[in-house]
Amino acid sequence: MQKKGVQNKPNYVTLPVFEKGTDFMAKSFAKVFERFEQIDKRFERTDKVLESMLKEMQTNSQDAKDHRMMMGSLNHSDINQERKINGLEMRIEKLEQKIK
Protein backbone atom coordinates (compact mmCIF):
# COMPACT_ATOMS: atom_id res chain seq x y z
CA MET A 1 0.00 0.00 0.00
CA GLN A 2 1.15 3.46 -0.87
CA LYS A 3 0.62 6.48 1.24
CA LYS A 4 -1.08 9.42 -0.30
CA GLY A 5 1.27 12.07 -1.70
CA VAL A 6 4.31 9.74 -1.81
CA GLN A 7 5.54 8.93 -5.26
CA ASN A 8 7.58 5.93 -6.18
CA LYS A 9 11.09 7.10 -7.07
CA PRO A 10 12.95 5.07 -9.65
CA ASN A 11 15.94 3.08 -8.34
CA TYR A 12 18.66 4.40 -10.63
CA VAL A 13 21.53 6.85 -10.37
CA THR A 14 21.73 9.78 -12.69
CA LEU A 15 24.97 10.67 -14.45
CA PRO A 16 25.58 13.89 -12.45
CA VAL A 17 25.12 12.01 -9.16
CA PHE A 18 27.46 9.24 -10.37
CA GLU A 19 30.10 11.77 -11.47
CA LYS A 20 29.86 13.58 -8.15
CA GLY A 21 30.41 10.27 -6.32
CA THR A 22 33.37 9.30 -8.48
CA ASP A 23 34.94 12.76 -8.01
CA PHE A 24 34.60 12.36 -4.26
CA MET A 25 36.18 8.89 -4.41
CA ALA A 26 39.01 10.19 -6.60
CA LYS A 27 39.78 12.96 -4.10
CA SER A 28 39.69 10.46 -1.25
CA PHE A 29 42.07 8.11 -3.06
CA ALA A 30 44.37 11.04 -3.87
CA LYS A 31 44.63 11.81 -0.14
CA VAL A 32 45.36 8.16 0.61
CA PHE A 33 48.06 7.97 -2.07
CA GLU A 34 49.60 11.21 -0.80
CA ARG A 35 49.79 9.71 2.67
CA PHE A 36 51.37 6.54 1.25
CA GLU A 37 54.01 8.68 -0.47
CA GLN A 38 54.83 10.38 2.84
CA ILE A 39 55.12 7.01 4.55
CA ASP A 40 57.31 5.72 1.70
CA LYS A 41 59.66 8.71 2.13
CA ARG A 42 59.89 8.00 5.85
CA PHE A 43 60.76 4.36 5.12
CA GLU A 44 63.46 5.49 2.67
CA ARG A 45 65.01 7.71 5.36
CA THR A 46 64.79 4.87 7.87
CA ASP A 47 66.43 2.50 5.39
CA LYS A 48 69.32 4.94 4.91
CA VAL A 49 69.79 5.25 8.67
CA LEU A 50 69.72 1.47 9.12
CA GLU A 51 72.22 1.00 6.29
CA SER A 52 74.64 3.47 7.86
CA MET A 53 74.19 1.78 11.26
CA LEU A 54 74.89 -1.62 9.71
CA LYS A 55 78.05 -0.32 8.00
CA GLU A 56 79.24 1.22 11.26
CA MET A 57 78.57 -2.02 13.13
CA GLN A 58 80.47 -4.01 10.50
CA THR A 59 83.39 -1.58 10.73
CA ASN A 60 83.38 -1.83 14.53
CA SER A 61 83.24 -5.61 14.32
CA GLN A 62 86.20 -5.69 11.94
CA ASP A 63 88.14 -3.27 14.15
CA ALA A 64 87.44 -5.45 17.19
CA LYS A 65 88.60 -8.54 15.30
CA ASP A 66 91.81 -6.79 14.23
CA HIS A 67 92.35 -5.62 17.81
CA ARG A 68 91.90 -9.15 19.16
CA MET A 69 94.35 -10.50 16.60
CA MET A 70 96.92 -7.85 17.50
CA MET A 71 96.44 -8.40 21.22
CA GLY A 72 96.78 -12.15 20.73
CA SER A 73 100.10 -11.76 18.95
CA LEU A 74 101.29 -9.24 21.58
CA ASN A 75 100.33 -11.62 24.38
CA HIS A 76 102.16 -14.43 22.59
CA SER A 77 105.33 -12.37 22.22
CA ASP A 78 104.97 -11.20 25.85
CA ILE A 79 104.87 -14.79 27.03
CA ASN A 80 107.92 -15.67 24.92
CA GLN A 81 109.86 -12.71 26.31
CA GLU A 82 108.85 -13.60 29.85
CA ARG A 83 110.09 -17.16 29.33
CA LYS A 84 113.39 -15.86 27.98
CA ILE A 85 113.75 -13.51 30.95
CA ASN A 86 112.97 -16.33 33.37
CA GLY A 87 115.54 -18.53 31.61
CA LEU A 88 118.14 -15.77 31.83
CA GLU A 89 117.38 -15.25 35.52
CA MET A 90 117.96 -18.95 36.16
CA ARG A 91 121.29 -18.82 34.29
CA ILE A 92 122.34 -15.75 36.25
CA GLU A 93 121.47 -17.47 39.52
CA LYS A 94 123.50 -20.54 38.51
CA LEU A 95 126.45 -18.37 37.50
CA GLU A 96 126.25 -16.46 40.78
CA GLN A 97 126.26 -19.74 42.70
CA LYS A 98 129.32 -20.92 40.78
CA ILE A 99 131.13 -17.66 41.53
CA LYS A 100 130.50 -17.92 45.26
PDB file of N, CA and C in Angstrom:
ATOM      1  N   MET A   1       0.824  -1.170   0.000  1.00  0.00           N
ATOM      2  CA  MET A   1       0.000   0.000   0.000  1.00  0.00           C
ATOM      3  C   MET A   1       0.873   1.239   0.000  1.00  0.00           C
ATOM      4  N   GLN A   2       0.432   2.194  -0.787  1.00  0.00           N
ATOM      5  CA  GLN A   2       1.149   3.464  -0.873  1.00  0.00           C
ATOM      6  C   GLN A   2       0.423   4.504  -0.053  1.00  0.00           C
ATOM      7  N   LYS A   3       1.214   5.386   0.514  1.00  0.00           N
ATOM      8  CA  LYS A   3       0.618   6.480   1.242  1.00  0.00           C
ATOM      9  C   LYS A   3       0.272   7.564   0.243  1.00  0.00           C
ATOM     10  N   LYS A   4      -0.683   8.345   0.597  1.00  0.00           N
ATOM     11  CA  LYS A   4      -1.083   9.418  -0.298  1.00  0.00           C
ATOM     12  C   LYS A   4      -0.002  10.490  -0.351  1.00  0.00           C
ATOM     13  N   GLY A   5       0.300  11.002  -1.509  1.00  0.00           N
ATOM     14  CA  GLY A   5       1.265  12.074  -1.701  1.00  0.00           C
ATOM     15  C   GLY A   5       2.696  11.582  -1.839  1.00  0.00           C
ATOM     16  N   VAL A   6       2.951  10.288  -1.675  1.00  0.00           N
ATOM     17  CA  VAL A   6       4.313   9.743  -1.808  1.00  0.00           C
ATOM     18  C   VAL A   6       4.400   9.077  -3.163  1.00  0.00           C
ATOM     19  N   GLN A   7       5.369   9.516  -3.926  1.00  0.00           N
ATOM     20  CA  GLN A   7       5.538   8.931  -5.256  1.00  0.00           C
ATOM     21  C   GLN A   7       6.643   7.886  -5.198  1.00  0.00           C
ATOM     22  N   ASN A   8       6.514   6.919  -6.056  1.00  0.00           N
ATOM     23  CA  ASN A   8       7.585   5.926  -6.179  1.00  0.00           C
ATOM     24  C   ASN A   8       8.729   6.552  -6.959  1.00  0.00           C
ATOM     25  N   LYS A   9       9.926   6.581  -6.360  1.00  0.00           N
ATOM     26  CA  LYS A   9      11.093   7.104  -7.068  1.00  0.00           C
ATOM     27  C   LYS A   9      11.763   5.935  -7.762  1.00  0.00           C
ATOM     28  N   PRO A  10      12.262   6.168  -8.947  1.00  0.00           N
ATOM     29  CA  PRO A  10      12.954   5.075  -9.646  1.00  0.00           C
ATOM     30  C   PRO A  10      14.285   4.765  -8.942  1.00  0.00           C
ATOM     31  N   ASN A  11      14.718   3.532  -8.998  1.00  0.00           N
ATOM     32  CA  ASN A  11      15.942   3.083  -8.341  1.00  0.00           C
ATOM     33  C   ASN A  11      17.117   3.102  -9.319  1.00  0.00           C
ATOM     34  N   TYR A  12      17.484   4.267  -9.763  1.00  0.00           N
ATOM     35  CA  TYR A  12      18.656   4.399 -10.632  1.00  0.00           C
ATOM     36  C   TYR A  12      19.388   5.674 -10.270  1.00  0.00           C
ATOM     37  N   VAL A  13      20.689   5.708 -10.673  1.00  0.00           N
ATOM     38  CA  VAL A  13      21.534   6.849 -10.367  1.00  0.00           C
ATOM     39  C   VAL A  13      21.708   7.645 -11.638  1.00  0.00           C
ATOM     40  N   THR A  14      21.556   8.926 -11.510  1.00  0.00           N
ATOM     41  CA  THR A  14      21.731   9.777 -12.692  1.00  0.00           C
ATOM     42  C   THR A  14      23.222  10.017 -12.911  1.00  0.00           C
ATOM     43  N   LEU A  15      23.584  10.424 -14.094  1.00  0.00           N
ATOM     44  CA  LEU A  15      24.972  10.674 -14.455  1.00  0.00           C
ATOM     45  C   LEU A  15      25.610  11.750 -13.581  1.00  0.00           C
ATOM     46  N   PRO A  16      24.950  12.884 -13.330  1.00  0.00           N
ATOM     47  CA  PRO A  16      25.581  13.889 -12.450  1.00  0.00           C
ATOM     48  C   PRO A  16      25.845  13.363 -11.043  1.00  0.00           C
ATOM     49  N   VAL A  17      24.927  12.570 -10.502  1.00  0.00           N
ATOM     50  CA  VAL A  17      25.119  12.007  -9.163  1.00  0.00           C
ATOM     51  C   VAL A  17      26.290  11.023  -9.180  1.00  0.00           C
ATOM     52  N   PHE A  18      26.372  10.204 -10.223  1.00  0.00           N
ATOM     53  CA  PHE A  18      27.458   9.240 -10.366  1.00  0.00           C
ATOM     54  C   PHE A  18      28.802   9.958 -10.482  1.00  0.00           C
ATOM     55  N   GLU A  19      28.862  11.014 -11.289  1.00  0.00           N
ATOM     56  CA  GLU A  19      30.100  11.774 -11.472  1.00  0.00           C
ATOM     57  C   GLU A  19      30.527  12.442 -10.164  1.00  0.00           C
ATOM     58  N   LYS A  20      29.552  12.954  -9.436  1.00  0.00           N
ATOM     59  CA  LYS A  20      29.859  13.579  -8.147  1.00  0.00           C
ATOM     60  C   LYS A  20      30.461  12.548  -7.197  1.00  0.00           C
ATOM     61  N   GLY A  21      29.894  11.347  -7.181  1.00  0.00           N
ATOM     62  CA  GLY A  21      30.406  10.268  -6.324  1.00  0.00           C
ATOM     63  C   GLY A  21      31.808   9.837  -6.731  1.00  0.00           C
ATOM     64  N   THR A  22      32.044   9.710  -8.027  1.00  0.00           N
ATOM     65  CA  THR A  22      33.375   9.300  -8.483  1.00  0.00           C
ATOM     66  C   THR A  22      34.405  10.393  -8.212  1.00  0.00           C
ATOM     67  N   ASP A  23      34.016  11.656  -8.343  1.00  0.00           N
ATOM     68  CA  ASP A  23      34.937  12.757  -8.014  1.00  0.00           C
ATOM     69  C   ASP A  23      35.326  12.707  -6.538  1.00  0.00           C
ATOM     70  N   PHE A  24      34.331  12.463  -5.691  1.00  0.00           N
ATOM     71  CA  PHE A  24      34.598  12.364  -4.260  1.00  0.00           C
ATOM     72  C   PHE A  24      35.555  11.204  -3.965  1.00  0.00           C
ATOM     73  N   MET A  25      35.307  10.056  -4.600  1.00  0.00           N
ATOM     74  CA  MET A  25      36.176   8.894  -4.410  1.00  0.00           C
ATOM     75  C   MET A  25      37.588   9.179  -4.916  1.00  0.00           C
ATOM     76  N   ALA A  26      37.701   9.868  -6.046  1.00  0.00           N
ATOM     77  CA  ALA A  26      39.012  10.191  -6.599  1.00  0.00           C
ATOM     78  C   ALA A  26      39.792  11.091  -5.640  1.00  0.00           C
ATOM     79  N   LYS A  27      39.120  12.072  -5.069  1.00  0.00           N
ATOM     80  CA  LYS A  27      39.777  12.960  -4.103  1.00  0.00           C
ATOM     81  C   LYS A  27      40.213  12.187  -2.858  1.00  0.00           C
ATOM     82  N   SER A  28      39.355  11.278  -2.411  1.00  0.00           N
ATOM     83  CA  SER A  28      39.695  10.464  -1.248  1.00  0.00           C
ATOM     84  C   SER A  28      40.916   9.592  -1.525  1.00  0.00           C
ATOM     85  N   PHE A  29      40.935   8.953  -2.696  1.00  0.00           N
ATOM     86  CA  PHE A  29      42.075   8.114  -3.059  1.00  0.00           C
ATOM     87  C   PHE A  29      43.341   8.947  -3.215  1.00  0.00           C
ATOM     88  N   ALA A  30      43.207  10.160  -3.724  1.00  0.00           N
ATOM     89  CA  ALA A  30      44.370  11.043  -3.869  1.00  0.00           C
ATOM     90  C   ALA A  30      44.980  11.337  -2.500  1.00  0.00           C
ATOM     91  N   LYS A  31      44.135  11.570  -1.504  1.00  0.00           N
ATOM     92  CA  LYS A  31      44.633  11.809  -0.144  1.00  0.00           C
ATOM     93  C   LYS A  31      45.343  10.575   0.404  1.00  0.00           C
ATOM     94  N   VAL A  32      44.760   9.411   0.139  1.00  0.00           N
ATOM     95  CA  VAL A  32      45.357   8.161   0.614  1.00  0.00           C
ATOM     96  C   VAL A  32      46.719   7.950  -0.045  1.00  0.00           C
ATOM     97  N   PHE A  33      46.795   8.160  -1.363  1.00  0.00           N
ATOM     98  CA  PHE A  33      48.060   7.968  -2.067  1.00  0.00           C
ATOM     99  C   PHE A  33      49.108   8.989  -1.617  1.00  0.00           C
ATOM    100  N   GLU A  34      48.677  10.183  -1.307  1.00  0.00           N
ATOM    101  CA  GLU A  34      49.602  11.206  -0.797  1.00  0.00           C
ATOM    102  C   GLU A  34      50.175  10.761   0.541  1.00  0.00           C
ATOM    103  N   ARG A  35      49.333  10.210   1.363  1.00  0.00           N
ATOM    104  CA  ARG A  35      49.789   9.710   2.668  1.00  0.00           C
ATOM    105  C   ARG A  35      50.765   8.551   2.489  1.00  0.00           C
ATOM    106  N   PHE A  36      50.463   7.655   1.534  1.00  0.00           N
ATOM    107  CA  PHE A  36      51.371   6.544   1.248  1.00  0.00           C
ATOM    108  C   PHE A  36      52.733   7.054   0.782  1.00  0.00           C
ATOM    109  N   GLU A  37      52.753   8.103  -0.009  1.00  0.00           N
ATOM    110  CA  GLU A  37      54.014   8.677  -0.469  1.00  0.00           C
ATOM    111  C   GLU A  37      54.818   9.229   0.705  1.00  0.00           C
ATOM    112  N   GLN A  38      54.144   9.872   1.653  1.00  0.00           N
ATOM    113  CA  GLN A  38      54.829  10.379   2.841  1.00  0.00           C
ATOM    114  C   GLN A  38      55.429   9.227   3.652  1.00  0.00           C
ATOM    115  N   ILE A  39      54.649   8.171   3.801  1.00  0.00           N
ATOM    116  CA  ILE A  39      55.121   7.006   4.548  1.00  0.00           C
ATOM    117  C   ILE A  39      56.305   6.370   3.827  1.00  0.00           C
ATOM    118  N   ASP A  40      56.224   6.294   2.492  1.00  0.00           N
ATOM    119  CA  ASP A  40      57.314   5.723   1.703  1.00  0.00           C
ATOM    120  C   ASP A  40      58.597   6.533   1.886  1.00  0.00           C
ATOM    121  N   LYS A  41      58.480   7.860   1.915  1.00  0.00           N
ATOM    122  CA  LYS A  41      59.658   8.711   2.126  1.00  0.00           C
ATOM    123  C   LYS A  41      60.259   8.463   3.507  1.00  0.00           C
ATOM    124  N   ARG A  42      59.399   8.278   4.503  1.00  0.00           N
ATOM    125  CA  ARG A  42      59.892   7.995   5.852  1.00  0.00           C
ATOM    126  C   ARG A  42      60.638   6.667   5.876  1.00  0.00           C
ATOM    127  N   PHE A  43      60.097   5.662   5.187  1.00  0.00           N
ATOM    128  CA  PHE A  43      60.764   4.363   5.120  1.00  0.00           C
ATOM    129  C   PHE A  43      62.111   4.479   4.413  1.00  0.00           C
ATOM    130  N   GLU A  44      62.188   5.297   3.375  1.00  0.00           N
ATOM    131  CA  GLU A  44      63.459   5.493   2.674  1.00  0.00           C
ATOM    132  C   GLU A  44      64.495   6.102   3.612  1.00  0.00           C
ATOM    133  N   ARG A  45      64.086   7.093   4.398  1.00  0.00           N
ATOM    134  CA  ARG A  45      65.007   7.706   5.359  1.00  0.00           C
ATOM    135  C   ARG A  45      65.435   6.679   6.406  1.00  0.00           C
ATOM    136  N   THR A  46      64.479   5.894   6.876  1.00  0.00           N
ATOM    137  CA  THR A  46      64.786   4.871   7.870  1.00  0.00           C
ATOM    138  C   THR A  46      65.747   3.839   7.288  1.00  0.00           C
ATOM    139  N   ASP A  47      65.531   3.449   6.042  1.00  0.00           N
ATOM    140  CA  ASP A  47      66.430   2.498   5.389  1.00  0.00           C
ATOM    141  C   ASP A  47      67.850   3.051   5.320  1.00  0.00           C
ATOM    142  N   LYS A  48      67.984   4.335   4.987  1.00  0.00           N
ATOM    143  CA  LYS A  48      69.319   4.942   4.913  1.00  0.00           C
ATOM    144  C   LYS A  48      69.996   4.931   6.271  1.00  0.00           C
ATOM    145  N   VAL A  49      69.237   5.249   7.313  1.00  0.00           N
ATOM    146  CA  VAL A  49      69.791   5.247   8.668  1.00  0.00           C
ATOM    147  C   VAL A  49      70.226   3.834   9.054  1.00  0.00           C
ATOM    148  N   LEU A  50      69.378   2.851   8.769  1.00  0.00           N
ATOM    149  CA  LEU A  50      69.716   1.473   9.116  1.00  0.00           C
ATOM    150  C   LEU A  50      70.939   0.984   8.339  1.00  0.00           C
ATOM    151  N   GLU A  51      71.052   1.376   7.079  1.00  0.00           N
ATOM    152  CA  GLU A  51      72.224   0.996   6.294  1.00  0.00           C
ATOM    153  C   GLU A  51      73.496   1.584   6.890  1.00  0.00           C
ATOM    154  N   SER A  52      73.447   2.857   7.278  1.00  0.00           N
ATOM    155  CA  SER A  52      74.637   3.474   7.863  1.00  0.00           C
ATOM    156  C   SER A  52      74.977   2.822   9.205  1.00  0.00           C
ATOM    157  N   MET A  53      73.947   2.469   9.991  1.00  0.00           N
ATOM    158  CA  MET A  53      74.194   1.784  11.260  1.00  0.00           C
ATOM    159  C   MET A  53      74.837   0.425  11.021  1.00  0.00           C
ATOM    160  N   LEU A  54      74.349  -0.298  10.023  1.00  0.00           N
ATOM    161  CA  LEU A  54      74.895  -1.619   9.712  1.00  0.00           C
ATOM    162  C   LEU A  54      76.360  -1.503   9.282  1.00  0.00           C
ATOM    163  N   LYS A  55      76.666  -0.511   8.425  1.00  0.00           N
ATOM    164  CA  LYS A  55      78.051  -0.316   7.995  1.00  0.00           C
ATOM    165  C   LYS A  55      78.948   0.004   9.185  1.00  0.00           C
ATOM    166  N   GLU A  56      78.460   0.858  10.085  1.00  0.00           N
ATOM    167  CA  GLU A  56      79.241   1.216  11.258  1.00  0.00           C
ATOM    168  C   GLU A  56      79.467   0.005  12.160  1.00  0.00           C
ATOM    169  N   MET A  57      78.431  -0.814  12.320  1.00  0.00           N
ATOM    170  CA  MET A  57      78.571  -2.019  13.135  1.00  0.00           C
ATOM    171  C   MET A  57      79.567  -2.992  12.503  1.00  0.00           C
ATOM    172  N   GLN A  58      79.533  -3.126  11.173  1.00  0.00           N
ATOM    173  CA  GLN A  58      80.474  -4.008  10.496  1.00  0.00           C
ATOM    174  C   GLN A  58      81.903  -3.496  10.660  1.00  0.00           C
ATOM    175  N   THR A  59      82.065  -2.180  10.553  1.00  0.00           N
ATOM    176  CA  THR A  59      83.389  -1.585  10.733  1.00  0.00           C
ATOM    177  C   THR A  59      83.886  -1.821  12.153  1.00  0.00           C
ATOM    178  N   ASN A  60      83.009  -1.601  13.129  1.00  0.00           N
ATOM    179  CA  ASN A  60      83.382  -1.832  14.530  1.00  0.00           C
ATOM    180  C   ASN A  60      83.733  -3.295  14.771  1.00  0.00           C
ATOM    181  N   SER A  61      82.979  -4.183  14.160  1.00  0.00           N
ATOM    182  CA  SER A  61      83.242  -5.613  14.319  1.00  0.00           C
ATOM    183  C   SER A  61      84.600  -5.970  13.735  1.00  0.00           C
ATOM    184  N   GLN A  62      84.911  -5.432  12.568  1.00  0.00           N
ATOM    185  CA  GLN A  62      86.204  -5.694  11.937  1.00  0.00           C
ATOM    186  C   GLN A  62      87.337  -5.107  12.780  1.00  0.00           C
ATOM    187  N   ASP A  63      87.134  -3.895  13.296  1.00  0.00           N
ATOM    188  CA  ASP A  63      88.144  -3.268  14.155  1.00  0.00           C
ATOM    189  C   ASP A  63      88.391  -4.111  15.403  1.00  0.00           C
ATOM    190  N   ALA A  64      87.308  -4.618  15.993  1.00  0.00           N
ATOM    191  CA  ALA A  64      87.443  -5.453  17.192  1.00  0.00           C
ATOM    192  C   ALA A  64      88.199  -6.738  16.866  1.00  0.00           C
ATOM    193  N   LYS A  65      87.904  -7.313  15.714  1.00  0.00           N
ATOM    194  CA  LYS A  65      88.599  -8.544  15.296  1.00  0.00           C
ATOM    195  C   LYS A  65      90.087  -8.263  15.112  1.00  0.00           C
ATOM    196  N   ASP A  66      90.401  -7.151  14.421  1.00  0.00           N
ATOM    197  CA  ASP A  66      91.805  -6.786  14.228  1.00  0.00           C
ATOM    198  C   ASP A  66      92.503  -6.546  15.570  1.00  0.00           C
ATOM    199  N   HIS A  67      91.801  -5.891  16.481  1.00  0.00           N
ATOM    200  CA  HIS A  67      92.348  -5.617  17.811  1.00  0.00           C
ATOM    201  C   HIS A  67      92.637  -6.925  18.557  1.00  0.00           C
ATOM    202  N   ARG A  68      91.690  -7.854  18.489  1.00  0.00           N
ATOM    203  CA  ARG A  68      91.896  -9.146  19.158  1.00  0.00           C
ATOM    204  C   ARG A  68      93.093  -9.883  18.569  1.00  0.00           C
ATOM    205  N   MET A  69      93.216  -9.832  17.253  1.00  0.00           N
ATOM    206  CA  MET A  69      94.350 -10.504  16.602  1.00  0.00           C
ATOM    207  C   MET A  69      95.668  -9.870  17.059  1.00  0.00           C
ATOM    208  N   MET A  70      95.710  -8.543  17.094  1.00  0.00           N
ATOM    209  CA  MET A  70      96.916  -7.847  17.498  1.00  0.00           C
ATOM    210  C   MET A  70      97.244  -8.151  18.961  1.00  0.00           C
ATOM    211  N   MET A  71      96.218  -8.116  19.809  1.00  0.00           N
ATOM    212  CA  MET A  71      96.435  -8.397  21.223  1.00  0.00           C
ATOM    213  C   MET A  71      96.907  -9.832  21.422  1.00  0.00           C
ATOM    214  N   GLY A  72      96.357 -10.753  20.629  1.00  0.00           N
ATOM    215  CA  GLY A  72      96.782 -12.151  20.731  1.00  0.00           C
ATOM    216  C   GLY A  72      98.251 -12.303  20.392  1.00  0.00           C
ATOM    217  N   SER A  73      98.688 -11.645  19.321  1.00  0.00           N
ATOM    218  CA  SER A  73     100.100 -11.758  18.953  1.00  0.00           C
ATOM    219  C   SER A  73     100.982 -11.051  19.974  1.00  0.00           C
ATOM    220  N   LEU A  74     100.517  -9.915  20.532  1.00  0.00           N
ATOM    221  CA  LEU A  74     101.292  -9.238  21.577  1.00  0.00           C
ATOM    222  C   LEU A  74     101.399 -10.101  22.824  1.00  0.00           C
ATOM    223  N   ASN A  75     100.302 -10.734  23.206  1.00  0.00           N
ATOM    224  CA  ASN A  75     100.334 -11.623  24.375  1.00  0.00           C
ATOM    225  C   ASN A  75     101.292 -12.782  24.140  1.00  0.00           C
ATOM    226  N   HIS A  76     101.280 -13.311  22.935  1.00  0.00           N
ATOM    227  CA  HIS A  76     102.158 -14.430  22.594  1.00  0.00           C
ATOM    228  C   HIS A  76     103.625 -14.002  22.708  1.00  0.00           C
ATOM    229  N   SER A  77     103.947 -12.840  22.136  1.00  0.00           N
ATOM    230  CA  SER A  77     105.335 -12.371  22.217  1.00  0.00           C
ATOM    231  C   SER A  77     105.690 -11.992  23.653  1.00  0.00           C
ATOM    232  N   ASP A  78     104.739 -11.493  24.421  1.00  0.00           N
ATOM    233  CA  ASP A  78     104.973 -11.198  25.846  1.00  0.00           C
ATOM    234  C   ASP A  78     105.347 -12.468  26.606  1.00  0.00           C
ATOM    235  N   ILE A  79     104.605 -13.514  26.349  1.00  0.00           N
ATOM    236  CA  ILE A  79     104.866 -14.788  27.030  1.00  0.00           C
ATOM    237  C   ILE A  79     106.251 -15.303  26.651  1.00  0.00           C
ATOM    238  N   ASN A  80     106.592 -15.204  25.356  1.00  0.00           N
ATOM    239  CA  ASN A  80     107.921 -15.665  24.922  1.00  0.00           C
ATOM    240  C   ASN A  80     109.026 -14.858  25.599  1.00  0.00           C
ATOM    241  N   GLN A  81     108.850 -13.551  25.667  1.00  0.00           N
ATOM    242  CA  GLN A  81     109.864 -12.711  26.311  1.00  0.00           C
ATOM    243  C   GLN A  81     109.973 -13.024  27.798  1.00  0.00           C
ATOM    244  N   GLU A  82     108.832 -13.259  28.428  1.00  0.00           N
ATOM    245  CA  GLU A  82     108.855 -13.599  29.853  1.00  0.00           C
ATOM    246  C   GLU A  82     109.592 -14.909  30.086  1.00  0.00           C
ATOM    247  N   ARG A  83     109.380 -15.882  29.210  1.00  0.00           N
ATOM    248  CA  ARG A  83     110.092 -17.159  29.330  1.00  0.00           C
ATOM    249  C   ARG A  83     111.594 -16.948  29.171  1.00  0.00           C
ATOM    250  N   LYS A  84     111.966 -16.123  28.185  1.00  0.00           N
ATOM    251  CA  LYS A  84     113.393 -15.857  27.976  1.00  0.00           C
ATOM    252  C   LYS A  84     113.992 -15.183  29.202  1.00  0.00           C
ATOM    253  N   ILE A  85     113.271 -14.214  29.758  1.00  0.00           N
ATOM    254  CA  ILE A  85     113.753 -13.511  30.953  1.00  0.00           C
ATOM    255  C   ILE A  85     113.898 -14.482  32.110  1.00  0.00           C
ATOM    256  N   ASN A  86     112.894 -15.340  32.291  1.00  0.00           N
ATOM    257  CA  ASN A  86     112.973 -16.328  33.374  1.00  0.00           C
ATOM    258  C   ASN A  86     114.159 -17.261  33.164  1.00  0.00           C
ATOM    259  N   GLY A  87     114.392 -17.663  31.914  1.00  0.00           N
ATOM    260  CA  GLY A  87     115.542 -18.526  31.606  1.00  0.00           C
ATOM    261  C   GLY A  87     116.845 -17.816  31.892  1.00  0.00           C
ATOM    262  N   LEU A  88     116.933 -16.536  31.544  1.00  0.00           N
ATOM    263  CA  LEU A  88     118.143 -15.769  31.828  1.00  0.00           C
ATOM    264  C   LEU A  88     118.357 -15.604  33.326  1.00  0.00           C
ATOM    265  N   GLU A  89     117.273 -15.384  34.057  1.00  0.00           N
ATOM    266  CA  GLU A  89     117.383 -15.247  35.517  1.00  0.00           C
ATOM    267  C   GLU A  89     117.928 -16.529  36.133  1.00  0.00           C
ATOM    268  N   MET A  90     117.471 -17.664  35.632  1.00  0.00           N
ATOM    269  CA  MET A  90     117.960 -18.949  36.156  1.00  0.00           C
ATOM    270  C   MET A  90     119.449 -19.102  35.850  1.00  0.00           C
ATOM    271  N   ARG A  91     119.867 -18.719  34.652  1.00  0.00           N
ATOM    272  CA  ARG A  91     121.290 -18.818  34.287  1.00  0.00           C
ATOM    273  C   ARG A  91     122.132 -17.904  35.172  1.00  0.00           C
ATOM    274  N   ILE A  92     121.613 -16.702  35.406  1.00  0.00           N
ATOM    275  CA  ILE A  92     122.344 -15.752  36.252  1.00  0.00           C
ATOM    276  C   ILE A  92     122.483 -16.314  37.661  1.00  0.00           C
ATOM    277  N   GLU A  93     121.416 -16.894  38.171  1.00  0.00           N
ATOM    278  CA  GLU A  93     121.470 -17.468  39.518  1.00  0.00           C
ATOM    279  C   GLU A  93     122.494 -18.604  39.576  1.00  0.00           C
ATOM    280  N   LYS A  94     122.532 -19.442  38.535  1.00  0.00           N
ATOM    281  CA  LYS A  94     123.505 -20.544  38.507  1.00  0.00           C
ATOM    282  C   LYS A  94     124.930 -19.999  38.445  1.00  0.00           C
ATOM    283  N   LEU A  95     125.117 -18.954  37.608  1.00  0.00           N
ATOM    284  CA  LEU A  95     126.446 -18.372  37.505  1.00  0.00           C
ATOM    285  C   LEU A  95     126.866 -17.727  38.825  1.00  0.00           C
ATOM    286  N   GLU A  96     125.936 -17.074  39.491  1.00  0.00           N
ATOM    287  CA  GLU A  96     126.248 -16.464  40.781  1.00  0.00           C
ATOM    288  C   GLU A  96     126.625 -17.526  41.811  1.00  0.00           C
ATOM    289  N   GLN A  97     125.944 -18.653  41.747  1.00  0.00           N
ATOM    290  CA  GLN A  97     126.255 -19.737  42.696  1.00  0.00           C
ATOM    291  C   GLN A  97     127.653 -20.317  42.416  1.00  0.00           C
ATOM    292  N   LYS A  98     128.001 -20.404  41.141  1.00  0.00           N
ATOM    293  CA  LYS A  98     129.320 -20.919  40.776  1.00  0.00           C
ATOM    294  C   LYS A  98     130.417 -19.974  41.240  1.00  0.00           C
ATOM    295  N   ILE A  99     130.138 -18.669  41.161  1.00  0.00           N
ATOM    296  CA  ILE A  99     131.131 -17.664  41.531  1.00  0.00           C
ATOM    297  C   ILE A  99     131.367 -17.699  43.034  1.00  0.00           C
ATOM    298  N   LYS A 100     130.371 -17.950  43.799  1.00  0.00           N
ATOM    299  CA  LYS A 100     130.497 -17.922  45.262  1.00  0.00           C
ATOM    300  C   LYS A 100     131.292 -19.043  45.735  1.00  0.00           C
TER     301      LYS A 100
END
